[in-house]
C-alpha cells in the first residue's frame, strides 16, 4: 500500500528537536520510508522545501526527497479535487485546494493519507479518503 505523507507529518519529523509526544508519528514515517511506501505530490515537496534558510540544508533535504517518487497528476485528479471541494463546502467544511488535491490523488490511486491535519479528518466524513491512523 502506498501512502501520501502530508506536509504536517514531514514538519514534525524534520524538526530539530522532535517532541516526545510525536515519536510514534515519526516512527511510522520512518517505517513507511523504509518499506518504500511513501509517495509525494509536487505541492507537498514544494511545501517541505519552502522556508529552509540554509542552502546546505535545502540541498541535503532536496536530494533526500528526490529518492521518493512523485505522483504524476492527471486532469481527473484536478477535477475530482474540485468535486471534493464542492462536496465539503456544501456541508460547511472549508479546506485548501492542495488538501483536496491530496485527497483526490490518493482516492484515485487507492492510496492512504498520513496526516495530522484536522481538516483532512473533517473531510473524511464526506469524501471517500482513507487516513492512516496517527497515535501521537
Protein backbone atom coordinates (compact mmCIF):
# COMPACT_ATOMS: atom_id res chain seq x y z
CA UNK A 1 0.00 0.00 0.00
CA UNK A 2 1.33 3.43 -0.91
CA UNK A 3 0.82 6.42 1.31
CA UNK A 4 0.82 10.14 0.59
CA UNK A 5 2.55 11.79 3.54
CA UNK A 6 1.18 15.26 4.18
CA UNK A 7 3.34 18.26 5.00
CA UNK A 8 2.10 18.24 8.61
CA UNK A 9 3.84 14.89 9.22
CA UNK A 10 7.03 15.92 7.43
CA UNK A 11 7.12 19.07 9.53
CA UNK A 12 7.02 17.05 12.75
CA UNK A 13 9.68 14.63 11.54
CA UNK A 14 12.08 17.29 10.29
CA UNK A 15 12.08 19.46 13.40
CA UNK A 16 15.47 19.64 15.04
CA UNK A 17 14.03 18.59 18.37
CA UNK A 18 11.15 16.20 17.81
CA UNK A 19 8.66 16.29 20.64
CA UNK A 20 8.34 13.00 22.58
CA UNK A 21 4.57 13.03 22.01
CA UNK A 22 5.20 12.85 18.26
CA UNK A 23 7.60 9.92 18.40
CA UNK A 24 5.04 7.40 17.12
CA UNK A 25 4.24 9.62 14.13
CA UNK A 26 7.93 9.95 13.29
CA UNK A 27 8.45 6.19 13.77
CA UNK A 28 5.54 5.46 11.42
CA UNK A 29 7.02 7.79 8.79
CA UNK A 30 10.40 6.08 9.14
CA UNK A 31 8.74 2.67 8.66
CA UNK A 32 6.84 3.88 5.59
CA UNK A 33 10.04 5.23 4.05
CA UNK A 34 12.00 2.06 4.86
CA UNK A 35 9.28 -0.04 3.21
CA UNK A 36 9.14 2.15 0.06
CA UNK A 37 5.52 3.10 0.70
CA UNK A 38 5.83 6.90 0.54
CA UNK A 39 4.75 8.89 -2.49
CA UNK A 40 4.83 12.68 -2.80
CA UNK A 41 2.83 15.27 -4.62
CA UNK A 42 4.86 18.10 -6.12
CA UNK A 43 2.93 20.57 -3.96
CA UNK A 44 3.95 18.73 -0.79
CA UNK A 45 7.57 18.56 -1.97
CA UNK A 46 7.44 22.34 -2.52
CA UNK A 47 5.92 22.96 0.94
CA UNK A 48 8.58 20.81 2.62
CA UNK A 49 11.42 22.65 0.88
CA UNK A 50 9.98 26.16 1.28
CA UNK A 51 11.35 28.29 4.07
CA UNK A 52 14.63 26.45 4.60
CA UNK A 53 17.15 29.16 5.47
CA UNK A 54 20.41 27.36 4.82
CA UNK A 55 21.28 26.45 1.25
CA UNK A 56 23.23 23.43 2.54
CA UNK A 57 20.16 22.15 4.41
CA UNK A 58 17.99 22.83 1.36
CA UNK A 59 20.27 20.85 -0.93
CA UNK A 60 20.58 17.97 1.55
CA UNK A 61 16.81 17.71 2.04
CA UNK A 62 16.10 18.18 -1.68
CA UNK A 63 18.47 15.34 -2.53
CA UNK A 64 16.93 13.12 0.16
CA UNK A 65 13.40 13.79 -1.11
CA UNK A 66 14.44 13.02 -4.69
CA UNK A 67 14.60 9.37 -3.67
CA UNK A 68 10.84 9.42 -3.12
CA UNK A 69 8.57 9.02 -6.14
CA UNK A 70 6.37 11.89 -7.24
CA UNK A 71 2.78 11.21 -8.20
CA UNK A 72 2.11 12.42 -11.71
CA UNK A 73 -1.22 14.21 -11.65
CA UNK A 74 -3.81 13.95 -14.40
CA UNK A 75 -6.75 16.11 -15.40
CA UNK A 76 -9.03 13.74 -13.49
CA UNK A 77 -7.14 14.48 -10.24
CA UNK A 78 -7.85 18.20 -10.55
CA UNK A 79 -11.48 17.60 -11.49
CA UNK A 80 -12.01 15.23 -8.57
CA UNK A 81 -10.28 17.69 -6.22
CA UNK A 82 -12.78 20.35 -7.31
CA UNK A 83 -15.66 17.90 -6.81
CA UNK A 84 -14.38 17.06 -3.30
CA UNK A 85 -14.02 20.78 -2.55
CA UNK A 86 -17.60 21.43 -3.65
CA UNK A 87 -18.94 18.46 -1.67
CA UNK A 88 -17.26 19.57 1.54
CA UNK A 89 -18.14 23.21 1.01
CA UNK A 90 -21.81 22.25 0.63
CA UNK A 91 -21.51 20.69 4.11
CA UNK A 92 -19.96 23.85 5.55
CA UNK A 93 -16.41 22.45 5.59
CA UNK A 94 -13.59 24.53 4.16
CA UNK A 95 -10.19 23.38 3.01
CA UNK A 96 -7.30 24.32 0.80
CA UNK A 97 -7.01 23.40 -2.85
CA UNK A 98 -3.82 21.49 -2.05
CA UNK A 99 -5.59 19.43 0.62
CA UNK A 100 -8.33 18.46 -1.81
CA UNK A 101 -5.75 17.64 -4.48
CA UNK A 102 -4.04 15.30 -2.00
CA UNK A 103 -7.40 13.66 -1.30
CA UNK A 104 -8.21 13.26 -4.99
CA UNK A 105 -4.80 11.85 -5.89
CA UNK A 106 -4.96 9.38 -3.00
CA UNK A 107 -8.52 8.28 -3.77
CA UNK A 108 -7.90 7.74 -7.49
CA UNK A 109 -4.89 5.53 -6.72
CA UNK A 110 -6.32 3.78 -3.65
CA UNK A 111 -3.55 5.30 -1.50
CA UNK A 112 -3.85 6.22 2.16
CA UNK A 113 -3.00 9.65 3.51
CA UNK A 114 -0.77 10.14 6.55
CA UNK A 115 -1.55 13.47 8.16
CA UNK A 116 -2.00 15.23 11.47
CA UNK A 117 -4.14 17.91 9.81
CA UNK A 118 -7.59 18.06 11.38
CA UNK A 119 -9.06 19.40 8.13
CA UNK A 120 -8.49 16.10 6.35
CA UNK A 121 -10.07 14.27 9.25
CA UNK A 122 -13.13 16.51 8.82
CA UNK A 123 -13.22 15.78 5.08
CA UNK A 124 -13.27 12.04 5.71
CA UNK A 125 -16.91 12.16 6.83
CA UNK A 126 -17.94 13.47 3.39
CA UNK A 127 -15.48 12.21 0.80
CA UNK A 128 -14.02 8.72 0.27
CA UNK A 129 -10.48 9.01 1.62
CA UNK A 130 -8.50 6.66 3.84
CA UNK A 131 -6.37 8.22 6.56
CA UNK A 132 -3.57 6.30 8.18
CA UNK A 133 -4.18 6.29 11.93
CA UNK A 134 -1.96 8.57 13.99
CA UNK A 135 -1.12 7.88 17.59
CA UNK A 136 0.60 10.98 18.90
